[in-house]
C-alpha cells in the first residue's frame, strides 16, 4: 500500500508551504540577487545565521550568502525534489538522517561532490 503522506497531494502542500516560508525568509533578508534557476529560487547575500554550511534549501528556495555555483545549484535542485516527495516531514527526516553529510541519505542522494562535501 502506498503511503499517502509521501509524494502525494499532502506532501506537495507541505512543499508549497515550505517554499512560502523560504521566500518569507529569503526575500527580505537577501542583499544579493534573487533569481530563478530551473525552478529553484536562489536568494543570495543572506547573513550566515540564516543557514548551515554554505546554504540551505527550504521548499524550492535556496538560501545562501554566495555559494551559488552551477554544481551547488544542481545539488540543491535534488533537495527540491526531496521536499516535494516528503513535504513538511523533510526537516524531521533530514535531522534523523544525521549531521554527517557523508552519511546523510539526503545529501548522498543530492550528490556529495556537487554539494561540495567531497572532491
PDB file of N, CA and C in Angstrom:
ATOM      1  N   UNK A   1       0.836  -1.185   0.000  1.00  0.00           N
ATOM      2  CA  UNK A   1       0.000   0.000   0.000  1.00  0.00           C
ATOM      3  C   UNK A   1       0.884   1.253   0.000  1.00  0.00           C
ATOM      4  N   UNK A   2       0.525   2.206  -0.780  1.00  0.00           N
ATOM      5  CA  UNK A   2       1.285   3.449  -0.906  1.00  0.00           C
ATOM      6  C   UNK A   2       1.010   4.372   0.280  1.00  0.00           C
ATOM      7  N   UNK A   3       2.058   5.009   0.771  1.00  0.00           N
ATOM      8  CA  UNK A   3       1.927   5.938   1.889  1.00  0.00           C
ATOM      9  C   UNK A   3       1.340   7.257   1.372  1.00  0.00           C
ATOM     10  N   UNK A   4       0.161   7.665   1.880  1.00  0.00           N
ATOM     11  CA  UNK A   4      -0.485   8.880   1.378  1.00  0.00           C
ATOM     12  C   UNK A   4       0.258  10.165   1.747  1.00  0.00           C
ATOM     13  N   UNK A   5       1.238  10.070   2.644  1.00  0.00           N
ATOM     14  CA  UNK A   5       1.970  11.262   3.049  1.00  0.00           C
ATOM     15  C   UNK A   5       3.207  11.522   2.196  1.00  0.00           C
ATOM     16  N   UNK A   6       3.626  10.522   1.413  1.00  0.00           N
ATOM     17  CA  UNK A   6       4.840  10.665   0.620  1.00  0.00           C
ATOM     18  C   UNK A   6       4.509  10.812  -0.854  1.00  0.00           C
ATOM     19  N   UNK A   7       5.109  11.797  -1.492  1.00  0.00           N
ATOM     20  CA  UNK A   7       4.905  12.059  -2.916  1.00  0.00           C
ATOM     21  C   UNK A   7       3.419  12.050  -3.267  1.00  0.00           C
ATOM     22  N   UNK A   8       2.677  12.883  -2.566  1.00  0.00           N
ATOM     23  CA  UNK A   8       1.221  12.914  -2.682  1.00  0.00           C
ATOM     24  C   UNK A   8       0.749  14.368  -2.615  1.00  0.00           C
ATOM     25  N   UNK A   9      -0.548  14.593  -2.754  1.00  0.00           N
ATOM     26  CA  UNK A   9      -1.045  15.956  -2.572  1.00  0.00           C
ATOM     27  C   UNK A   9      -0.702  16.524  -1.192  1.00  0.00           C
ATOM     28  N   UNK A  10      -0.659  15.671  -0.173  1.00  0.00           N
ATOM     29  CA  UNK A  10      -0.312  16.129   1.181  1.00  0.00           C
ATOM     30  C   UNK A  10       1.138  16.610   1.220  1.00  0.00           C
ATOM     31  N   UNK A  11       2.049  15.813   0.661  1.00  0.00           N
ATOM     32  CA  UNK A  11       3.460  16.217   0.690  1.00  0.00           C
ATOM     33  C   UNK A  11       3.692  17.448  -0.182  1.00  0.00           C
ATOM     34  N   UNK A  12       2.996  17.528  -1.304  1.00  0.00           N
ATOM     35  CA  UNK A  12       3.171  18.694  -2.171  1.00  0.00           C
ATOM     36  C   UNK A  12       2.645  19.972  -1.499  1.00  0.00           C
ATOM     37  N   UNK A  13       1.590  19.853  -0.712  1.00  0.00           N
ATOM     38  CA  UNK A  13       1.106  21.013   0.044  1.00  0.00           C
ATOM     39  C   UNK A  13       2.163  21.453   1.058  1.00  0.00           C
ATOM     40  N   UNK A  14       2.827  20.489   1.687  1.00  0.00           N
ATOM     41  CA  UNK A  14       3.913  20.812   2.613  1.00  0.00           C
ATOM     42  C   UNK A  14       5.071  21.492   1.908  1.00  0.00           C
ATOM     43  N   UNK A  15       5.390  21.011   0.702  1.00  0.00           N
ATOM     44  CA  UNK A  15       6.459  21.625  -0.096  1.00  0.00           C
ATOM     45  C   UNK A  15       6.093  23.067  -0.446  1.00  0.00           C
ATOM     46  N   UNK A  16       4.847  23.311  -0.832  1.00  0.00           N
ATOM     47  CA  UNK A  16       4.419  24.676  -1.155  1.00  0.00           C
ATOM     48  C   UNK A  16       4.492  25.582   0.070  1.00  0.00           C
ATOM     49  N   UNK A  17       4.084  25.049   1.229  1.00  0.00           N
ATOM     50  CA  UNK A  17       4.172  25.823   2.469  1.00  0.00           C
ATOM     51  C   UNK A  17       5.630  26.145   2.784  1.00  0.00           C
ATOM     52  N   UNK A  18       6.507  25.136   2.656  1.00  0.00           N
ATOM     53  CA  UNK A  18       7.937  25.346   2.912  1.00  0.00           C
ATOM     54  C   UNK A  18       8.504  26.389   1.952  1.00  0.00           C
ATOM     55  N   UNK A  19       8.071  26.353   0.695  1.00  0.00           N
ATOM     56  CA  UNK A  19       8.528  27.342  -0.280  1.00  0.00           C
ATOM     57  C   UNK A  19       8.106  28.745   0.149  1.00  0.00           C
ATOM     58  N   UNK A  20       6.877  28.881   0.642  1.00  0.00           N
ATOM     59  CA  UNK A  20       6.406  30.184   1.129  1.00  0.00           C
ATOM     60  C   UNK A  20       7.256  30.662   2.306  1.00  0.00           C
ATOM     61  N   UNK A  21       7.612  29.738   3.202  1.00  0.00           N
ATOM     62  CA  UNK A  21       8.479  30.087   4.336  1.00  0.00           C
ATOM     63  C   UNK A  21       9.854  30.521   3.828  1.00  0.00           C
ATOM     64  N   UNK A  22      10.410  29.763   2.879  1.00  0.00           N
ATOM     65  CA  UNK A  22      11.706  30.118   2.307  1.00  0.00           C
ATOM     66  C   UNK A  22      11.694  31.505   1.681  1.00  0.00           C
ATOM     67  N   UNK A  23      10.628  31.814   0.959  1.00  0.00           N
ATOM     68  CA  UNK A  23      10.503  33.147   0.352  1.00  0.00           C
ATOM     69  C   UNK A  23      10.355  34.229   1.419  1.00  0.00           C
ATOM     70  N   UNK A  24       9.595  33.929   2.475  1.00  0.00           N
ATOM     71  CA  UNK A  24       9.392  34.899   3.554  1.00  0.00           C
ATOM     72  C   UNK A  24      10.698  35.213   4.278  1.00  0.00           C
ATOM     73  N   UNK A  25      11.606  34.254   4.307  1.00  0.00           N
ATOM     74  CA  UNK A  25      12.921  34.478   4.915  1.00  0.00           C
ATOM     75  C   UNK A  25      13.873  35.114   3.901  1.00  0.00           C
ATOM     76  N   UNK A  26      13.926  34.528   2.712  1.00  0.00           N
ATOM     77  CA  UNK A  26      14.934  34.913   1.733  1.00  0.00           C
ATOM     78  C   UNK A  26      14.756  36.277   1.106  1.00  0.00           C
ATOM     79  N   UNK A  27      13.537  36.621   0.756  1.00  0.00           N
ATOM     80  CA  UNK A  27      13.328  37.881   0.034  1.00  0.00           C
ATOM     81  C   UNK A  27      13.689  39.095   0.897  1.00  0.00           C
ATOM     82  N   UNK A  28      13.186  39.210   2.124  1.00  0.00           N
ATOM     83  CA  UNK A  28      13.540  40.415   2.889  1.00  0.00           C
ATOM     84  C   UNK A  28      14.995  40.450   3.373  1.00  0.00           C
ATOM     85  N   UNK A  29      15.612  39.290   3.568  1.00  0.00           N
ATOM     86  CA  UNK A  29      16.978  39.264   4.102  1.00  0.00           C
ATOM     87  C   UNK A  29      18.056  39.263   3.028  1.00  0.00           C
ATOM     88  N   UNK A  30      17.675  39.044   1.792  1.00  0.00           N
ATOM     89  CA  UNK A  30      18.652  38.974   0.712  1.00  0.00           C
ATOM     90  C   UNK A  30      19.229  40.356   0.424  1.00  0.00           C
ATOM     91  N   UNK A  31      20.556  40.411   0.392  1.00  0.00           N
ATOM     92  CA  UNK A  31      21.224  41.654  -0.009  1.00  0.00           C
ATOM     93  C   UNK A  31      21.879  41.473  -1.378  1.00  0.00           C
ATOM     94  N   UNK A  32      21.675  40.296  -1.962  1.00  0.00           N
ATOM     95  CA  UNK A  32      22.234  39.981  -3.277  1.00  0.00           C
ATOM     96  C   UNK A  32      21.120  39.752  -4.275  1.00  0.00           C
ATOM     97  N   UNK A  33      21.477  39.074  -5.338  1.00  0.00           N
ATOM     98  CA  UNK A  33      20.497  38.775  -6.388  1.00  0.00           C
ATOM     99  C   UNK A  33      19.501  37.728  -5.924  1.00  0.00           C
ATOM    100  N   UNK A  34      18.280  37.872  -6.393  1.00  0.00           N
ATOM    101  CA  UNK A  34      17.260  36.833  -6.261  1.00  0.00           C
ATOM    102  C   UNK A  34      16.923  36.428  -7.680  1.00  0.00           C
ATOM    103  N   UNK A  35      17.083  35.149  -7.970  1.00  0.00           N
ATOM    104  CA  UNK A  35      16.835  34.689  -9.338  1.00  0.00           C
ATOM    105  C   UNK A  35      16.252  33.287  -9.300  1.00  0.00           C
ATOM    106  N   UNK A  36      15.686  32.869 -10.416  1.00  0.00           N
ATOM    107  CA  UNK A  36      15.131  31.522 -10.545  1.00  0.00           C
ATOM    108  C   UNK A  36      15.985  30.765 -11.552  1.00  0.00           C
ATOM    109  N   UNK A  37      16.480  29.599 -11.135  1.00  0.00           N
ATOM    110  CA  UNK A  37      17.311  28.747 -11.982  1.00  0.00           C
ATOM    111  C   UNK A  37      16.654  27.372 -12.039  1.00  0.00           C
ATOM    112  N   UNK A  38      16.071  27.029 -13.174  1.00  0.00           N
ATOM    113  CA  UNK A  38      15.411  25.727 -13.353  1.00  0.00           C
ATOM    114  C   UNK A  38      14.436  25.410 -12.222  1.00  0.00           C
ATOM    115  N   UNK A  39      13.616  26.373 -11.854  1.00  0.00           N
ATOM    116  CA  UNK A  39      12.597  26.164 -10.833  1.00  0.00           C
ATOM    117  C   UNK A  39      13.075  26.365  -9.406  1.00  0.00           C
ATOM    118  N   UNK A  40      14.350  26.599  -9.207  1.00  0.00           N
ATOM    119  CA  UNK A  40      14.917  26.838  -7.877  1.00  0.00           C
ATOM    120  C   UNK A  40      15.072  28.343  -7.682  1.00  0.00           C
ATOM    121  N   UNK A  41      14.433  28.881  -6.651  1.00  0.00           N
ATOM    122  CA  UNK A  41      14.582  30.300  -6.327  1.00  0.00           C
ATOM    123  C   UNK A  41      15.855  30.442  -5.500  1.00  0.00           C
ATOM    124  N   UNK A  42      16.796  31.213  -6.002  1.00  0.00           N
ATOM    125  CA  UNK A  42      18.087  31.393  -5.334  1.00  0.00           C
ATOM    126  C   UNK A  42      18.123  32.787  -4.718  1.00  0.00           C
ATOM    127  N   UNK A  43      18.182  32.827  -3.388  1.00  0.00           N
ATOM    128  CA  UNK A  43      18.304  34.090  -2.661  1.00  0.00           C
ATOM    129  C   UNK A  43      19.725  34.170  -2.126  1.00  0.00           C
ATOM    130  N   UNK A  44      20.501  35.114  -2.625  1.00  0.00           N
ATOM    131  CA  UNK A  44      21.897  35.230  -2.203  1.00  0.00           C
ATOM    132  C   UNK A  44      22.097  36.498  -1.381  1.00  0.00           C
ATOM    133  N   UNK A  45      23.266  36.560  -0.736  1.00  0.00           N
ATOM    134  CA  UNK A  45      23.583  37.715   0.092  1.00  0.00           C
ATOM    135  C   UNK A  45      22.947  37.670   1.463  1.00  0.00           C
ATOM    136  N   UNK A  46      22.528  36.483   1.905  1.00  0.00           N
ATOM    137  CA  UNK A  46      21.900  36.373   3.216  1.00  0.00           C
ATOM    138  C   UNK A  46      22.951  36.313   4.325  1.00  0.00           C
ATOM    139  N   UNK A  47      22.592  36.769   5.542  1.00  0.00           N
ATOM    140  CA  UNK A  47      23.522  36.630   6.670  1.00  0.00           C
ATOM    141  C   UNK A  47      23.721  35.153   7.014  1.00  0.00           C
ATOM    142  N   UNK A  48      24.889  34.814   7.518  1.00  0.00           N
ATOM    143  CA  UNK A  48      25.227  33.408   7.786  1.00  0.00           C
ATOM    144  C   UNK A  48      24.332  32.744   8.832  1.00  0.00           C
ATOM    145  N   UNK A  49      23.719  33.499   9.732  1.00  0.00           N
ATOM    146  CA  UNK A  49      22.901  32.875  10.774  1.00  0.00           C
ATOM    147  C   UNK A  49      21.625  32.245  10.213  1.00  0.00           C
ATOM    148  N   UNK A  50      21.294  32.536   8.972  1.00  0.00           N
ATOM    149  CA  UNK A  50      20.063  32.017   8.367  1.00  0.00           C
ATOM    150  C   UNK A  50      20.185  30.539   8.001  1.00  0.00           C
ATOM    151  N   UNK A  51      21.403  30.045   7.759  1.00  0.00           N
ATOM    152  CA  UNK A  51      21.564  28.691   7.225  1.00  0.00           C
ATOM    153  C   UNK A  51      22.803  28.028   7.795  1.00  0.00           C
ATOM    154  N   UNK A  52      22.872  26.726   7.628  1.00  0.00           N
ATOM    155  CA  UNK A  52      24.051  25.946   7.992  1.00  0.00           C
ATOM    156  C   UNK A  52      24.907  25.761   6.747  1.00  0.00           C
ATOM    157  N   UNK A  53      26.175  25.529   6.969  1.00  0.00           N
ATOM    158  CA  UNK A  53      27.122  25.248   5.883  1.00  0.00           C
ATOM    159  C   UNK A  53      27.099  26.373   4.851  1.00  0.00           C
ATOM    160  N   UNK A  54      27.082  26.024   3.568  1.00  0.00           N
ATOM    161  CA  UNK A  54      27.127  27.034   2.511  1.00  0.00           C
ATOM    162  C   UNK A  54      25.774  27.602   2.156  1.00  0.00           C
ATOM    163  N   UNK A  55      24.714  26.957   2.591  1.00  0.00           N
ATOM    164  CA  UNK A  55      23.362  27.395   2.290  1.00  0.00           C
ATOM    165  C   UNK A  55      22.383  26.306   2.671  1.00  0.00           C
ATOM    166  N   UNK A  56      21.110  26.593   2.522  1.00  0.00           N
ATOM    167  CA  UNK A  56      20.096  25.585   2.822  1.00  0.00           C
ATOM    168  C   UNK A  56      18.907  25.757   1.887  1.00  0.00           C
ATOM    169  N   UNK A  57      18.255  24.653   1.612  1.00  0.00           N
ATOM    170  CA  UNK A  57      17.095  24.635   0.734  1.00  0.00           C
ATOM    171  C   UNK A  57      15.837  24.490   1.589  1.00  0.00           C
ATOM    172  N   UNK A  58      14.883  25.393   1.403  1.00  0.00           N
ATOM    173  CA  UNK A  58      13.597  25.333   2.099  1.00  0.00           C
ATOM    174  C   UNK A  58      12.526  25.328   1.015  1.00  0.00           C
ATOM    175  N   UNK A  59      11.908  24.169   0.809  1.00  0.00           N
ATOM    176  CA  UNK A  59      10.970  24.038  -0.303  1.00  0.00           C
ATOM    177  C   UNK A  59      11.726  24.200  -1.609  1.00  0.00           C
ATOM    178  N   UNK A  60      11.334  25.173  -2.403  1.00  0.00           N
ATOM    179  CA  UNK A  60      12.022  25.450  -3.674  1.00  0.00           C
ATOM    180  C   UNK A  60      12.909  26.683  -3.592  1.00  0.00           C
ATOM    181  N   UNK A  61      13.286  27.068  -2.385  1.00  0.00           N
ATOM    182  CA  UNK A  61      14.091  28.274  -2.186  1.00  0.00           C
ATOM    183  C   UNK A  61      15.443  27.890  -1.590  1.00  0.00           C
ATOM    184  N   UNK A  62      16.505  28.337  -2.244  1.00  0.00           N
ATOM    185  CA  UNK A  62      17.863  28.106  -1.754  1.00  0.00           C
ATOM    186  C   UNK A  62      18.372  29.400  -1.139  1.00  0.00           C
ATOM    187  N   UNK A  63      18.697  29.345   0.152  1.00  0.00           N
ATOM    188  CA  UNK A  63      19.173  30.498   0.904  1.00  0.00           C
ATOM    189  C   UNK A  63      20.684  30.382   1.067  1.00  0.00           C
ATOM    190  N   UNK A  64      21.418  31.388   0.625  1.00  0.00           N
ATOM    191  CA  UNK A  64      22.878  31.333   0.701  1.00  0.00           C
ATOM    192  C   UNK A  64      23.461  32.738   0.789  1.00  0.00           C
ATOM    193  N   UNK A  65      24.697  32.787   1.189  1.00  0.00           N
ATOM    194  CA  UNK A  65      25.421  34.052   1.144  1.00  0.00           C
ATOM    195  C   UNK A  65      25.995  34.228  -0.259  1.00  0.00           C
ATOM    196  N   UNK A  66      26.826  33.267  -0.687  1.00  0.00           N
ATOM    197  CA  UNK A  66      27.457  33.383  -2.001  1.00  0.00           C
ATOM    198  C   UNK A  66      27.812  32.029  -2.614  1.00  0.00           C
ATOM    199  N   UNK A  67      27.314  30.957  -2.056  1.00  0.00           N
ATOM    200  CA  UNK A  67      27.615  29.602  -2.537  1.00  0.00           C
ATOM    201  C   UNK A  67      26.566  29.199  -3.576  1.00  0.00           C
ATOM    202  N   UNK A  68      26.691  29.730  -4.788  1.00  0.00           N
ATOM    203  CA  UNK A  68      25.628  29.519  -5.777  1.00  0.00           C
ATOM    204  C   UNK A  68      26.162  29.162  -7.164  1.00  0.00           C
ATOM    205  N   UNK A  69      27.225  28.366  -7.193  1.00  0.00           N
ATOM    206  CA  UNK A  69      27.757  27.886  -8.466  1.00  0.00           C
ATOM    207  C   UNK A  69      26.852  26.836  -9.094  1.00  0.00           C
ATOM    208  N   UNK A  70      27.105  26.520 -10.344  1.00  0.00           N
ATOM    209  CA  UNK A  70      26.267  25.572 -11.090  1.00  0.00           C
ATOM    210  C   UNK A  70      26.150  24.215 -10.407  1.00  0.00           C
ATOM    211  N   UNK A  71      27.254  23.679  -9.906  1.00  0.00           N
ATOM    212  CA  UNK A  71      27.222  22.347  -9.279  1.00  0.00           C
ATOM    213  C   UNK A  71      26.397  22.370  -7.995  1.00  0.00           C
ATOM    214  N   UNK A  72      26.567  23.412  -7.206  1.00  0.00           N
ATOM    215  CA  UNK A  72      25.794  23.525  -5.964  1.00  0.00           C
ATOM    216  C   UNK A  72      24.308  23.641  -6.283  1.00  0.00           C
ATOM    217  N   UNK A  73      23.964  24.413  -7.301  1.00  0.00           N
ATOM    218  CA  UNK A  73      22.548  24.563  -7.652  1.00  0.00           C
ATOM    219  C   UNK A  73      21.968  23.252  -8.162  1.00  0.00           C
ATOM    220  N   UNK A  74      22.753  22.441  -8.863  1.00  0.00           N
ATOM    221  CA  UNK A  74      22.292  21.108  -9.272  1.00  0.00           C
ATOM    222  C   UNK A  74      22.002  20.265  -8.024  1.00  0.00           C
ATOM    223  N   UNK A  75      22.879  20.332  -7.032  1.00  0.00           N
ATOM    224  CA  UNK A  75      22.707  19.627  -5.758  1.00  0.00           C
ATOM    225  C   UNK A  75      21.419  20.100  -5.065  1.00  0.00           C
ATOM    226  N   UNK A  76      21.212  21.397  -5.021  1.00  0.00           N
ATOM    227  CA  UNK A  76      20.038  21.948  -4.334  1.00  0.00           C
ATOM    228  C   UNK A  76      18.742  21.606  -5.055  1.00  0.00           C
ATOM    229  N   UNK A  77      18.776  21.474  -6.374  1.00  0.00           N
ATOM    230  CA  UNK A  77      17.555  21.077  -7.102  1.00  0.00           C
ATOM    231  C   UNK A  77      17.126  19.660  -6.722  1.00  0.00           C
ATOM    232  N   UNK A  78      18.072  18.804  -6.361  1.00  0.00           N
ATOM    233  CA  UNK A  78      17.701  17.468  -5.860  1.00  0.00           C
ATOM    234  C   UNK A  78      16.980  17.618  -4.524  1.00  0.00           C
ATOM    235  N   UNK A  79      17.436  18.552  -3.688  1.00  0.00           N
ATOM    236  CA  UNK A  79      16.742  18.792  -2.418  1.00  0.00           C
ATOM    237  C   UNK A  79      15.310  19.284  -2.658  1.00  0.00           C
ATOM    238  N   UNK A  80      15.090  20.062  -3.710  1.00  0.00           N
ATOM    239  CA  UNK A  80      13.720  20.490  -4.045  1.00  0.00           C
ATOM    240  C   UNK A  80      12.851  19.266  -4.322  1.00  0.00           C
ATOM    241  N   UNK A  81      13.379  18.318  -5.077  1.00  0.00           N
ATOM    242  CA  UNK A  81      12.645  17.076  -5.355  1.00  0.00           C
ATOM    243  C   UNK A  81      12.348  16.336  -4.056  1.00  0.00           C
ATOM    244  N   UNK A  82      13.297  16.328  -3.144  1.00  0.00           N
ATOM    245  CA  UNK A  82      13.087  15.678  -1.849  1.00  0.00           C
ATOM    246  C   UNK A  82      11.997  16.397  -1.058  1.00  0.00           C
ATOM    247  N   UNK A  83      12.014  17.715  -1.063  1.00  0.00           N
ATOM    248  CA  UNK A  83      10.955  18.471  -0.391  1.00  0.00           C
ATOM    249  C   UNK A  83       9.588  18.136  -0.988  1.00  0.00           C
ATOM    250  N   UNK A  84       9.509  18.018  -2.314  1.00  0.00           N
ATOM    251  CA  UNK A  84       8.234  17.667  -2.955  1.00  0.00           C
ATOM    252  C   UNK A  84       7.769  16.291  -2.518  1.00  0.00           C
ATOM    253  N   UNK A  85       8.700  15.369  -2.411  1.00  0.00           N
ATOM    254  CA  UNK A  85       8.385  13.989  -2.051  1.00  0.00           C
ATOM    255  C   UNK A  85       7.940  13.867  -0.589  1.00  0.00           C
ATOM    256  N   UNK A  86       8.625  14.566   0.306  1.00  0.00           N
ATOM    257  CA  UNK A  86       8.394  14.372   1.743  1.00  0.00           C
ATOM    258  C   UNK A  86       7.629  15.507   2.412  1.00  0.00           C
ATOM    259  N   UNK A  87       7.478  16.637   1.754  1.00  0.00           N
ATOM    260  CA  UNK A  87       6.729  17.748   2.321  1.00  0.00           C
ATOM    261  C   UNK A  87       7.285  18.197   3.657  1.00  0.00           C
ATOM    262  N   UNK A  88       6.399  18.491   4.586  1.00  0.00           N
ATOM    263  CA  UNK A  88       6.818  19.005   5.879  1.00  0.00           C
ATOM    264  C   UNK A  88       7.467  17.944   6.762  1.00  0.00           C
ATOM    265  N   UNK A  89       7.488  16.699   6.312  1.00  0.00           N
ATOM    266  CA  UNK A  89       8.247  15.671   7.036  1.00  0.00           C
ATOM    267  C   UNK A  89       9.744  15.805   6.753  1.00  0.00           C
ATOM    268  N   UNK A  90      10.104  16.558   5.724  1.00  0.00           N
ATOM    269  CA  UNK A  90      11.505  16.672   5.309  1.00  0.00           C
ATOM    270  C   UNK A  90      12.434  17.141   6.429  1.00  0.00           C
ATOM    271  N   UNK A  91      12.122  18.203   7.174  1.00  0.00           N
ATOM    272  CA  UNK A  91      13.058  18.624   8.227  1.00  0.00           C
ATOM    273  C   UNK A  91      13.309  17.535   9.271  1.00  0.00           C
ATOM    274  N   UNK A  92      12.270  16.840   9.679  1.00  0.00           N
ATOM    275  CA  UNK A  92      12.437  15.763  10.661  1.00  0.00           C
ATOM    276  C   UNK A  92      13.239  14.613  10.072  1.00  0.00           C
ATOM    277  N   UNK A  93      12.891  14.195   8.864  1.00  0.00           N
ATOM    278  CA  UNK A  93      13.618  13.094   8.225  1.00  0.00           C
ATOM    279  C   UNK A  93      15.083  13.457   7.999  1.00  0.00           C
ATOM    280  N   UNK A  94      15.325  14.693   7.626  1.00  0.00           N
ATOM    281  CA  UNK A  94      16.703  15.146   7.410  1.00  0.00           C
ATOM    282  C   UNK A  94      17.478  15.098   8.729  1.00  0.00           C
ATOM    283  N   UNK A  95      16.870  15.585   9.795  1.00  0.00           N
ATOM    284  CA  UNK A  95      17.532  15.566  11.107  1.00  0.00           C
ATOM    285  C   UNK A  95      17.814  14.137  11.557  1.00  0.00           C
ATOM    286  N   UNK A  96      16.859  13.245  11.341  1.00  0.00           N
ATOM    287  CA  UNK A  96      17.047  11.842  11.724  1.00  0.00           C
ATOM    288  C   UNK A  96      18.137  11.163  10.899  1.00  0.00           C
ATOM    289  N   UNK A  97      18.387  11.661   9.693  1.00  0.00           N
ATOM    290  CA  UNK A  97      19.428  11.084   8.833  1.00  0.00           C
ATOM    291  C   UNK A  97      20.830  11.426   9.330  1.00  0.00           C
ATOM    292  N   UNK A  98      20.934  12.381  10.241  1.00  0.00           N
ATOM    293  CA  UNK A  98      22.213  12.677  10.874  1.00  0.00           C
ATOM    294  C   UNK A  98      22.907  13.910  10.349  1.00  0.00           C
ATOM    295  N   UNK A  99      23.817  14.412  11.165  1.00  0.00           N
ATOM    296  CA  UNK A  99      24.541  15.647  10.853  1.00  0.00           C
ATOM    297  C   UNK A  99      25.725  15.438   9.922  1.00  0.00           C
ATOM    298  N   UNK A 100      26.205  14.213   9.820  1.00  0.00           N
ATOM    299  CA  UNK A 100      27.348  13.930   8.955  1.00  0.00           C
ATOM    300  C   UNK A 100      26.874  13.853   7.507  1.00  0.00           C
ATOM    301  N   UNK A 101      27.224  14.831   6.667  1.00  0.00           N
ATOM    302  CA  UNK A 101      26.721  14.825   5.289  1.00  0.00           C
ATOM    303  C   UNK A 101      27.167  13.600   4.495  1.00  0.00           C
ATOM    304  N   UNK A 102      28.290  13.011   4.862  1.00  0.00           N
ATOM    305  CA  UNK A 102      28.774  11.839   4.131  1.00  0.00           C
ATOM    306  C   UNK A 102      27.912  10.611   4.391  1.00  0.00           C
ATOM    307  N   UNK A 103      27.113  10.648   5.461  1.00  0.00           N
ATOM    308  CA  UNK A 103      26.220   9.529   5.797  1.00  0.00           C
ATOM    309  C   UNK A 103      24.743   9.896   5.712  1.00  0.00           C
ATOM    310  N   UNK A 104      24.462  11.168   5.541  1.00  0.00           N
ATOM    311  CA  UNK A 104      23.079  11.626   5.457  1.00  0.00           C
ATOM    312  C   UNK A 104      22.529  11.255   4.079  1.00  0.00           C
ATOM    313  N   UNK A 105      21.492  10.427   4.064  1.00  0.00           N
ATOM    314  CA  UNK A 105      20.990   9.905   2.789  1.00  0.00           C
ATOM    315  C   UNK A 105      20.475  10.994   1.857  1.00  0.00           C
ATOM    316  N   UNK A 106      20.016  12.098   2.396  1.00  0.00           N
ATOM    317  CA  UNK A 106      19.529  13.193   1.559  1.00  0.00           C
ATOM    318  C   UNK A 106      20.691  13.896   0.853  1.00  0.00           C
ATOM    319  N   UNK A 107      21.788  14.076   1.562  1.00  0.00           N
ATOM    320  CA  UNK A 107      22.977  14.682   0.951  1.00  0.00           C
ATOM    321  C   UNK A 107      23.625  13.730  -0.047  1.00  0.00           C
ATOM    322  N   UNK A 108      23.664  12.448   0.295  1.00  0.00           N
ATOM    323  CA  UNK A 108      24.235  11.457  -0.625  1.00  0.00           C
ATOM    324  C   UNK A 108      23.429  11.439  -1.920  1.00  0.00           C
ATOM    325  N   UNK A 109      22.089  11.419  -1.796  1.00  0.00           N
ATOM    326  CA  UNK A 109      21.230  11.414  -2.987  1.00  0.00           C
ATOM    327  C   UNK A 109      21.430  12.682  -3.822  1.00  0.00           C
ATOM    328  N   UNK A 110      21.622  13.817  -3.163  1.00  0.00           N
ATOM    329  CA  UNK A 110      21.786  15.085  -3.881  1.00  0.00           C
ATOM    330  C   UNK A 110      23.157  15.196  -4.546  1.00  0.00           C
ATOM    331  N   UNK A 111      24.094  14.384  -4.105  1.00  0.00           N
ATOM    332  CA  UNK A 111      25.433  14.387  -4.710  1.00  0.00           C
ATOM    333  C   UNK A 111      26.449  15.082  -3.825  1.00  0.00           C
ATOM    334  N   UNK A 112      27.307  14.299  -3.206  1.00  0.00           N
ATOM    335  CA  UNK A 112      28.292  14.854  -2.280  1.00  0.00           C
ATOM    336  C   UNK A 112      29.295  15.766  -2.980  1.00  0.00           C
ATOM    337  N   UNK A 113      29.701  15.408  -4.181  1.00  0.00           N
ATOM    338  CA  UNK A 113      30.649  16.256  -4.913  1.00  0.00           C
ATOM    339  C   UNK A 113      30.001  17.577  -5.311  1.00  0.00           C
ATOM    340  N   UNK A 114      28.794  17.508  -5.870  1.00  0.00           N
ATOM    341  CA  UNK A 114      28.108  18.742  -6.266  1.00  0.00           C
ATOM    342  C   UNK A 114      27.839  19.636  -5.059  1.00  0.00           C
ATOM    343  N   UNK A 115      27.575  19.019  -3.911  1.00  0.00           N
ATOM    344  CA  UNK A 115      27.316  19.788  -2.697  1.00  0.00           C
ATOM    345  C   UNK A 115      28.569  20.334  -2.040  1.00  0.00           C
ATOM    346  N   UNK A 116      29.729  19.931  -2.546  1.00  0.00           N
ATOM    347  CA  UNK A 116      30.989  20.430  -2.007  1.00  0.00           C
ATOM    348  C   UNK A 116      31.472  19.692  -0.775  1.00  0.00           C
ATOM    349  N   UNK A 117      30.927  18.508  -0.529  1.00  0.00           N
ATOM    350  CA  UNK A 117      31.317  17.736   0.651  1.00  0.00           C
ATOM    351  C   UNK A 117      32.553  16.882   0.410  1.00  0.00           C
ATOM    352  N   UNK A 118      32.776  16.474  -0.826  1.00  0.00           N
ATOM    353  CA  UNK A 118      33.968  15.702  -1.189  1.00  0.00           C
ATOM    354  C   UNK A 118      34.502  16.251  -2.507  1.00  0.00           C
ATOM    355  N   UNK A 119      35.745  15.940  -2.780  1.00  0.00           N
ATOM    356  CA  UNK A 119      36.350  16.392  -4.049  1.00  0.00           C
ATOM    357  C   UNK A 119      36.549  15.232  -4.968  1.00  0.00           C
TER     358      UNK A 119
END
